[in-house]
Amino acid sequence: MHKPELIIFDLDGTLVDAYLAIISSFNFTMQSLGYPKQNKIAICRAVGWGDKNLLKPFVKTKDLNKAVKLYRSHHRKSLRVQASLLPGVSKVLGYLKGNDYKLAVASNRPTSFSWILIRSLGLDKYFQYVLCADKLKYGKPHPAILKKILKDFSLRPKEAVYVGDMAIDAQAGRRAHVKTVIVTTGSSTKTEIRREKPFRVIRKLTYLLRML
């Protein structure tokens, strides 16, 4: 693979394991509003599209805005104590930073919550640029977030690689014409991922270094 100038990373499921925090905040919200708690699988399968879309299938329309407020209030605390880096993240980002790659984050998680994760887990020293879907009209799988990052770095799609963990990441990368590597540490199945035909599918983030 031609050496890219920029590597763009998704956050949740790619660099960070925040599932415990998500499940905790989700079921706190359900319980607070009198809805039944959901199991881990149901919750994890609904992540990736932003918190409003996470909650939307499980509450009545009239309760959605209240649910989002409850979820976010709880989540600000749960993220700080229940999120952790996935294996190999420090090694990979340290190598890339040390070898002068430009590094960016593209996340569907709201900006304020992305920064809670980035700062509390010490990721801020690696990244030059963070862009989240709440700053745009469309989130992933729409390619706008990747196109905006490329534009702001004055780079062409072939000069970047996007690393994510879900089928929607593969879709966004393909639509932005960016080579996309999917690491199978998220909630999408391998079948769902391969259906989107990403450039590579890897089991561990550290395998990215072999490609570079």
C-alpha atoms as a PDB file:
ATOM      1  CA  MET A   1       0.000   0.000   0.000  1.00  0.00           C
ATOM      2  CA  HIS A   2       1.231   3.478  -0.902  1.00  0.00           C
ATOM      3  CA  LYS A   3       2.175   5.327   2.294  1.00  0.00           C
ATOM      4  CA  PRO A   4      -0.671   7.683   3.239  1.00  0.00           C
ATOM      5  CA  GLU A   5      -0.107  11.141   4.656  1.00  0.00           C
ATOM      6  CA  LEU A   6      -3.205  11.063   6.839  1.00  0.00           C
ATOM      7  CA  ILE A   7      -4.821   8.312   8.877  1.00  0.00           C
ATOM      8  CA  ILE A   8      -8.357   8.965  10.089  1.00  0.00           C
ATOM      9  CA  PHE A   9      -9.720   6.878  12.946  1.00  0.00           C
ATOM     10  CA  ASP A  10     -13.193   6.185  14.177  1.00  0.00           C
ATOM     11  CA  LEU A  11     -13.334   6.385  17.992  1.00  0.00           C
ATOM     12  CA  ASP A  12     -15.753   3.909  19.604  1.00  0.00           C
ATOM     13  CA  GLY A  13     -14.989   0.272  18.897  1.00  0.00           C
ATOM     14  CA  THR A  14     -11.837   1.208  16.993  1.00  0.00           C
ATOM     15  CA  LEU A  15      -9.703   2.965  19.605  1.00  0.00           C
ATOM     16  CA  VAL A  16     -11.943   2.928  22.665  1.00  0.00           C
ATOM     17  CA  ASP A  17     -14.098   0.352  24.430  1.00  0.00           C
ATOM     18  CA  ALA A  18     -16.967   2.406  25.851  1.00  0.00           C
ATOM     19  CA  TYR A  19     -19.587  -0.331  25.787  1.00  0.00           C
ATOM     20  CA  LEU A  20     -19.855  -0.609  29.590  1.00  0.00           C
ATOM     21  CA  ALA A  21     -20.427   3.147  29.820  1.00  0.00           C
ATOM     22  CA  ILE A  22     -23.002   3.048  27.031  1.00  0.00           C
ATOM     23  CA  ILE A  23     -24.903   0.118  28.558  1.00  0.00           C
ATOM     24  CA  SER A  24     -24.874   1.741  31.980  1.00  0.00           C
ATOM     25  CA  SER A  25     -26.194   5.075  30.704  1.00  0.00           C
ATOM     26  CA  PHE A  26     -28.693   3.416  28.388  1.00  0.00           C
ATOM     27  CA  ASN A  27     -30.298   1.277  31.087  1.00  0.00           C
ATOM     28  CA  PHE A  28     -30.256   4.141  33.580  1.00  0.00           C
ATOM     29  CA  THR A  29     -32.290   6.106  31.037  1.00  0.00           C
ATOM     30  CA  MET A  30     -34.704   3.251  30.379  1.00  0.00           C
ATOM     31  CA  GLN A  31     -35.259   2.678  34.077  1.00  0.00           C
ATOM     32  CA  SER A  32     -35.732   6.400  34.775  1.00  0.00           C
ATOM     33  CA  LEU A  33     -38.470   6.633  32.161  1.00  0.00           C
ATOM     34  CA  GLY A  34     -40.193   3.381  33.100  1.00  0.00           C
ATOM     35  CA  TYR A  35     -39.043   1.378  30.094  1.00  0.00           C
ATOM     36  CA  PRO A  36     -37.593  -2.140  30.376  1.00  0.00           C
ATOM     37  CA  LYS A  37     -33.832  -2.543  30.521  1.00  0.00           C
ATOM     38  CA  GLN A  38     -32.190  -4.042  27.436  1.00  0.00           C
ATOM     39  CA  ASN A  39     -29.500  -6.682  27.265  1.00  0.00           C
ATOM     40  CA  LYS A  40     -25.948  -6.018  26.161  1.00  0.00           C
ATOM     41  CA  ILE A  41     -26.411  -7.455  22.679  1.00  0.00           C
ATOM     42  CA  ALA A  42     -29.466  -5.322  21.875  1.00  0.00           C
ATOM     43  CA  ILE A  43     -27.716  -2.157  23.024  1.00  0.00           C
ATOM     44  CA  CYS A  44     -24.398  -2.853  21.320  1.00  0.00           C
ATOM     45  CA  ARG A  45     -26.112  -3.658  18.040  1.00  0.00           C
ATOM     46  CA  ALA A  46     -27.752  -0.210  18.120  1.00  0.00           C
ATOM     47  CA  VAL A  47     -24.574   1.843  18.637  1.00  0.00           C
ATOM     48  CA  GLY A  48     -22.652   3.744  16.000  1.00  0.00           C
ATOM     49  CA  TRP A  49     -25.304   6.164  14.783  1.00  0.00           C
ATOM     50  CA  GLY A  50     -25.143   8.728  17.590  1.00  0.00           C
ATOM     51  CA  ASP A  51     -26.894   8.707  20.966  1.00  0.00           C
ATOM     52  CA  LYS A  52     -30.277   9.957  19.747  1.00  0.00           C
ATOM     53  CA  ASN A  53     -30.488   7.148  17.221  1.00  0.00           C
ATOM     54  CA  LEU A  54     -29.320   4.703  19.889  1.00  0.00           C
ATOM     55  CA  LEU A  55     -32.315   5.543  22.088  1.00  0.00           C
ATOM     56  CA  LYS A  56     -34.928   6.170  19.410  1.00  0.00           C
ATOM     57  CA  PRO A  57     -36.010   2.538  18.779  1.00  0.00           C
ATOM     58  CA  PHE A  58     -36.585   1.896  22.481  1.00  0.00           C
ATOM     59  CA  VAL A  59     -38.707   4.865  23.606  1.00  0.00           C
ATOM     60  CA  LYS A  60     -41.873   6.581  22.480  1.00  0.00           C
ATOM     61  CA  THR A  61     -41.428   9.673  20.325  1.00  0.00           C
ATOM     62  CA  LYS A  62     -42.829  11.909  23.063  1.00  0.00           C
ATOM     63  CA  ASP A  63     -40.098  10.692  25.446  1.00  0.00           C
ATOM     64  CA  LEU A  64     -37.124  10.868  23.084  1.00  0.00           C
ATOM     65  CA  ASN A  65     -35.843  14.352  23.937  1.00  0.00           C
ATOM     66  CA  LYS A  66     -36.108  13.645  27.663  1.00  0.00           C
ATOM     67  CA  ALA A  67     -34.352  10.323  27.148  1.00  0.00           C
ATOM     68  CA  VAL A  68     -31.465  12.012  25.338  1.00  0.00           C
ATOM     69  CA  LYS A  69     -31.046  14.538  28.173  1.00  0.00           C
ATOM     70  CA  LEU A  70     -31.061  11.803  30.823  1.00  0.00           C
ATOM     71  CA  TYR A  71     -28.655   9.675  28.838  1.00  0.00           C
ATOM     72  CA  ARG A  72     -26.194  12.489  28.259  1.00  0.00           C
ATOM     73  CA  SER A  73     -26.242  13.640  31.877  1.00  0.00           C
ATOM     74  CA  HIS A  74     -25.426  10.126  33.079  1.00  0.00           C
ATOM     75  CA  HIS A  75     -22.981   9.450  30.249  1.00  0.00           C
ATOM     76  CA  ARG A  76     -20.725  12.379  31.115  1.00  0.00           C
ATOM     77  CA  LYS A  77     -19.911  10.538  34.321  1.00  0.00           C
ATOM     78  CA  SER A  78     -19.944   6.934  33.106  1.00  0.00           C
ATOM     79  CA  LEU A  79     -17.490   7.628  30.278  1.00  0.00           C
ATOM     80  CA  ARG A  80     -14.840   8.827  32.713  1.00  0.00           C
ATOM     81  CA  VAL A  81     -14.926   5.646  34.792  1.00  0.00           C
ATOM     82  CA  GLN A  82     -16.111   2.869  32.464  1.00  0.00           C
ATOM     83  CA  ALA A  83     -14.277   3.477  29.186  1.00  0.00           C
ATOM     84  CA  SER A  84     -10.831   2.136  28.294  1.00  0.00           C
ATOM     85  CA  LEU A  85      -8.434   1.948  25.371  1.00  0.00           C
ATOM     86  CA  LEU A  86      -8.599  -1.146  23.220  1.00  0.00           C
ATOM     87  CA  PRO A  87      -5.482  -3.355  23.102  1.00  0.00           C
ATOM     88  CA  GLY A  88      -2.601  -1.985  21.046  1.00  0.00           C
ATOM     89  CA  VAL A  89      -3.969   1.536  20.650  1.00  0.00           C
ATOM     90  CA  SER A  90      -1.101   3.316  22.423  1.00  0.00           C
ATOM     91  CA  LYS A  91       1.445   1.295  20.456  1.00  0.00           C
ATOM     92  CA  VAL A  92      -0.178   2.043  17.105  1.00  0.00           C
ATOM     93  CA  LEU A  93      -0.799   5.743  17.684  1.00  0.00           C
ATOM     94  CA  GLY A  94       2.644   6.231  19.236  1.00  0.00           C
ATOM     95  CA  TYR A  95       4.296   4.662  16.192  1.00  0.00           C
ATOM     96  CA  LEU A  96       2.238   6.706  13.735  1.00  0.00           C
ATOM     97  CA  LYS A  97       2.824   9.963  15.587  1.00  0.00           C
ATOM     98  CA  GLY A  98       6.535   9.217  15.839  1.00  0.00           C
ATOM     99  CA  ASN A  99       6.735   8.594  12.115  1.00  0.00           C
ATOM    100  CA  ASP A 100       5.081  11.884  11.141  1.00  0.00           C
ATOM    101  CA  TYR A 101       1.703  10.620  10.011  1.00  0.00           C
ATOM    102  CA  LYS A 102      -1.105  13.162  10.284  1.00  0.00           C
ATOM    103  CA  LEU A 103      -3.804  11.758  12.568  1.00  0.00           C
ATOM    104  CA  ALA A 104      -7.492  12.646  12.828  1.00  0.00           C
ATOM    105  CA  VAL A 105     -10.682  11.344  14.456  1.00  0.00           C
ATOM    106  CA  ALA A 106     -14.033  11.033  12.655  1.00  0.00           C
ATOM    107  CA  SER A 107     -16.816  10.030  15.048  1.00  0.00           C
ATOM    108  CA  ASN A 108     -20.606   9.894  15.110  1.00  0.00           C
ATOM    109  CA  ARG A 109     -20.404  10.447  18.878  1.00  0.00           C
ATOM    110  CA  PRO A 110     -21.281  14.061  19.848  1.00  0.00           C
ATOM    111  CA  THR A 111     -18.284  16.372  20.111  1.00  0.00           C
ATOM    112  CA  SER A 112     -18.394  17.008  23.849  1.00  0.00           C
ATOM    113  CA  PHE A 113     -18.518  13.292  24.635  1.00  0.00           C
ATOM    114  CA  SER A 114     -15.777  12.474  22.145  1.00  0.00           C
ATOM    115  CA  TRP A 115     -13.530  14.960  23.908  1.00  0.00           C
ATOM    116  CA  ILE A 116     -14.326  13.439  27.297  1.00  0.00           C
ATOM    117  CA  LEU A 117     -13.008  10.131  25.959  1.00  0.00           C
ATOM    118  CA  ILE A 118     -10.046  11.630  24.142  1.00  0.00           C
ATOM    119  CA  ARG A 119      -8.845  13.660  27.115  1.00  0.00           C
ATOM    120  CA  SER A 120      -9.590  11.162  29.885  1.00  0.00           C
ATOM    121  CA  LEU A 121      -7.811   8.356  28.004  1.00  0.00           C
ATOM    122  CA  GLY A 122      -4.820  10.484  26.983  1.00  0.00           C
ATOM    123  CA  LEU A 123      -5.486  10.400  23.249  1.00  0.00           C
ATOM    124  CA  ASP A 124      -5.284  14.171  22.781  1.00  0.00           C
ATOM    125  CA  LYS A 125      -1.493  14.048  22.426  1.00  0.00           C
ATOM    126  CA  TYR A 126      -1.808  12.028  19.219  1.00  0.00           C
ATOM    127  CA  PHE A 127      -4.476  13.818  17.196  1.00  0.00           C
ATOM    128  CA  GLN A 128      -4.248  17.023  15.216  1.00  0.00           C
ATOM    129  CA  TYR A 129      -7.904  17.093  14.277  1.00  0.00           C
ATOM    130  CA  VAL A 130     -11.204  15.799  15.684  1.00  0.00           C
ATOM    131  CA  LEU A 131     -14.497  16.045  13.806  1.00  0.00           C
ATOM    132  CA  CYS A 132     -17.841  14.684  14.989  1.00  0.00           C
ATOM    133  CA  ALA A 133     -21.140  14.237  13.197  1.00  0.00           C
ATOM    134  CA  ASP A 134     -22.969  16.859  15.271  1.00  0.00           C
ATOM    135  CA  LYS A 135     -20.892  19.500  13.457  1.00  0.00           C
ATOM    136  CA  LEU A 136     -22.248  18.395  10.088  1.00  0.00           C
ATOM    137  CA  LYS A 137     -25.602  17.930   8.415  1.00  0.00           C
ATOM    138  CA  TYR A 138     -25.043  14.191   8.041  1.00  0.00           C
ATOM    139  CA  GLY A 139     -23.196  11.571  10.054  1.00  0.00           C
ATOM    140  CA  LYS A 140     -21.701   8.316   8.859  1.00  0.00           C
ATOM    141  CA  PRO A 141     -22.378   6.369   6.676  1.00  0.00           C
ATOM    142  CA  HIS A 142     -22.645   9.625   4.707  1.00  0.00           C
ATOM    143  CA  PRO A 143     -19.124  10.533   3.503  1.00  0.00           C
ATOM    144  CA  ALA A 144     -19.345  14.207   4.532  1.00  0.00           C
ATOM    145  CA  ILE A 145     -17.251  13.772   7.667  1.00  0.00           C
ATOM    146  CA  LEU A 146     -14.352  12.199   5.777  1.00  0.00           C
ATOM    147  CA  LYS A 147     -14.569  14.676   2.908  1.00  0.00           C
ATOM    148  CA  LYS A 148     -14.485  17.591   5.343  1.00  0.00           C
ATOM    149  CA  ILE A 149     -11.360  16.245   7.044  1.00  0.00           C
ATOM    150  CA  LEU A 150      -9.626  15.725   3.701  1.00  0.00           C
ATOM    151  CA  LYS A 151     -10.543  19.240   2.608  1.00  0.00           C
ATOM    152  CA  ASP A 152      -9.216  20.775   5.824  1.00  0.00           C
ATOM    153  CA  PHE A 153      -5.912  18.927   5.412  1.00  0.00           C
ATOM    154  CA  SER A 154      -5.824  19.861   1.686  1.00  0.00           C
ATOM    155  CA  LEU A 155      -5.426  16.192   0.772  1.00  0.00           C
ATOM    156  CA  ARG A 156      -6.922  13.921  -1.865  1.00  0.00           C
ATOM    157  CA  PRO A 157      -8.722  10.675  -0.947  1.00  0.00           C
ATOM    158  CA  LYS A 158      -5.809   8.550  -2.168  1.00  0.00           C
ATOM    159  CA  GLU A 159      -3.524  10.285   0.335  1.00  0.00           C
ATOM    160  CA  ALA A 160      -5.506   9.018   3.331  1.00  0.00           C
ATOM    161  CA  VAL A 161      -6.604   5.817   5.041  1.00  0.00           C
ATOM    162  CA  TYR A 162      -9.688   5.510   7.215  1.00  0.00           C
ATOM    163  CA  VAL A 163      -9.777   2.992  10.076  1.00  0.00           C
ATOM    164  CA  GLY A 164     -13.127   1.994  11.601  1.00  0.00           C
ATOM    165  CA  ASP A 165     -14.905  -0.975  13.133  1.00  0.00           C
ATOM    166  CA  MET A 166     -18.410  -1.067  11.671  1.00  0.00           C
ATOM    167  CA  ALA A 167     -20.166  -1.619   8.379  1.00  0.00           C
ATOM    168  CA  ILE A 168     -21.179   2.054   8.361  1.00  0.00           C
ATOM    169  CA  ASP A 169     -17.476   2.986   8.499  1.00  0.00           C
ATOM    170  CA  ALA A 170     -16.831   0.846   5.425  1.00  0.00           C
ATOM    171  CA  GLN A 171     -19.762   2.526   3.681  1.00  0.00           C
ATOM    172  CA  ALA A 172     -18.535   6.015   4.556  1.00  0.00           C
ATOM    173  CA  GLY A 173     -15.015   5.226   3.402  1.00  0.00           C
ATOM    174  CA  ARG A 174     -16.166   3.775   0.104  1.00  0.00           C
ATOM    175  CA  ARG A 175     -18.421   6.754  -0.586  1.00  0.00           C
ATOM    176  CA  ALA A 176     -15.569   9.145   0.176  1.00  0.00           C
ATOM    177  CA  HIS A 177     -13.231   7.093  -2.064  1.00  0.00           C
ATOM    178  CA  VAL A 178     -10.831   6.573   0.857  1.00  0.00           C
ATOM    179  CA  LYS A 179      -9.112   3.234   1.436  1.00  0.00           C
ATOM    180  CA  THR A 180     -10.823   1.827   4.509  1.00  0.00           C
ATOM    181  CA  VAL A 181      -9.490  -0.694   7.000  1.00  0.00           C
ATOM    182  CA  ILE A 182     -12.019  -2.297   9.334  1.00  0.00           C
ATOM    183  CA  VAL A 183     -10.884  -3.836  12.614  1.00  0.00           C
ATOM    184  CA  THR A 184     -13.351  -6.403  13.954  1.00  0.00           C
ATOM    185  CA  THR A 185     -13.480  -5.040  17.505  1.00  0.00           C
ATOM    186  CA  GLY A 186     -16.876  -3.369  17.175  1.00  0.00           C
ATOM    187  CA  SER A 187     -20.472  -4.551  17.043  1.00  0.00           C
ATOM    188  CA  SER A 188     -20.806  -5.261  13.316  1.00  0.00           C
ATOM    189  CA  THR A 189     -20.490  -8.881  12.259  1.00  0.00           C
ATOM    190  CA  LYS A 190     -17.795  -9.963   9.819  1.00  0.00           C
ATOM    191  CA  THR A 191     -20.516 -10.732   7.288  1.00  0.00           C
ATOM    192  CA  GLU A 192     -21.913  -7.200   7.554  1.00  0.00           C
ATOM    193  CA  ILE A 193     -18.431  -5.735   7.218  1.00  0.00           C
ATOM    194  CA  ARG A 194     -17.331  -7.842   4.252  1.00  0.00           C
ATOM    195  CA  ARG A 195     -20.568  -7.044   2.433  1.00  0.00           C
ATOM    196  CA  GLU A 196     -19.356  -3.439   2.207  1.00  0.00           C
ATOM    197  CA  LYS A 197     -16.049  -4.494   0.613  1.00  0.00           C
ATOM    198  CA  PRO A 198     -13.530  -2.437   2.623  1.00  0.00           C
ATOM    199  CA  PHE A 199      -9.885  -2.350   1.531  1.00  0.00           C
ATOM    200  CA  ARG A 200      -8.846  -4.642   4.400  1.00  0.00           C
ATOM    201  CA  VAL A 201     -10.445  -6.393   7.380  1.00  0.00           C
ATOM    202  CA  ILE A 202      -8.167  -7.045  10.366  1.00  0.00           C
ATOM    203  CA  ARG A 203      -8.626  -8.686  13.769  1.00  0.00           C
ATOM    204  CA  LYS A 204      -6.357  -6.387  15.763  1.00  0.00           C
ATOM    205  CA  LEU A 205      -5.484  -2.728  15.394  1.00  0.00           C
ATOM    206  CA  THR A 206      -1.774  -3.562  15.607  1.00  0.00           C
ATOM    207  CA  TYR A 207      -2.094  -5.338  12.247  1.00  0.00           C
ATOM    208  CA  LEU A 208      -2.440  -1.884  10.707  1.00  0.00           C
ATOM    209  CA  LEU A 209       1.284  -1.340  11.240  1.00  0.00           C
ATOM    210  CA  ARG A 210       2.103  -4.357   9.070  1.00  0.00           C
ATOM    211  CA  MET A 211       0.233  -2.727   6.207  1.00  0.00           C
ATOM    212  CA  LEU A 212       2.093   0.559   6.529  1.00  0.00           C
END
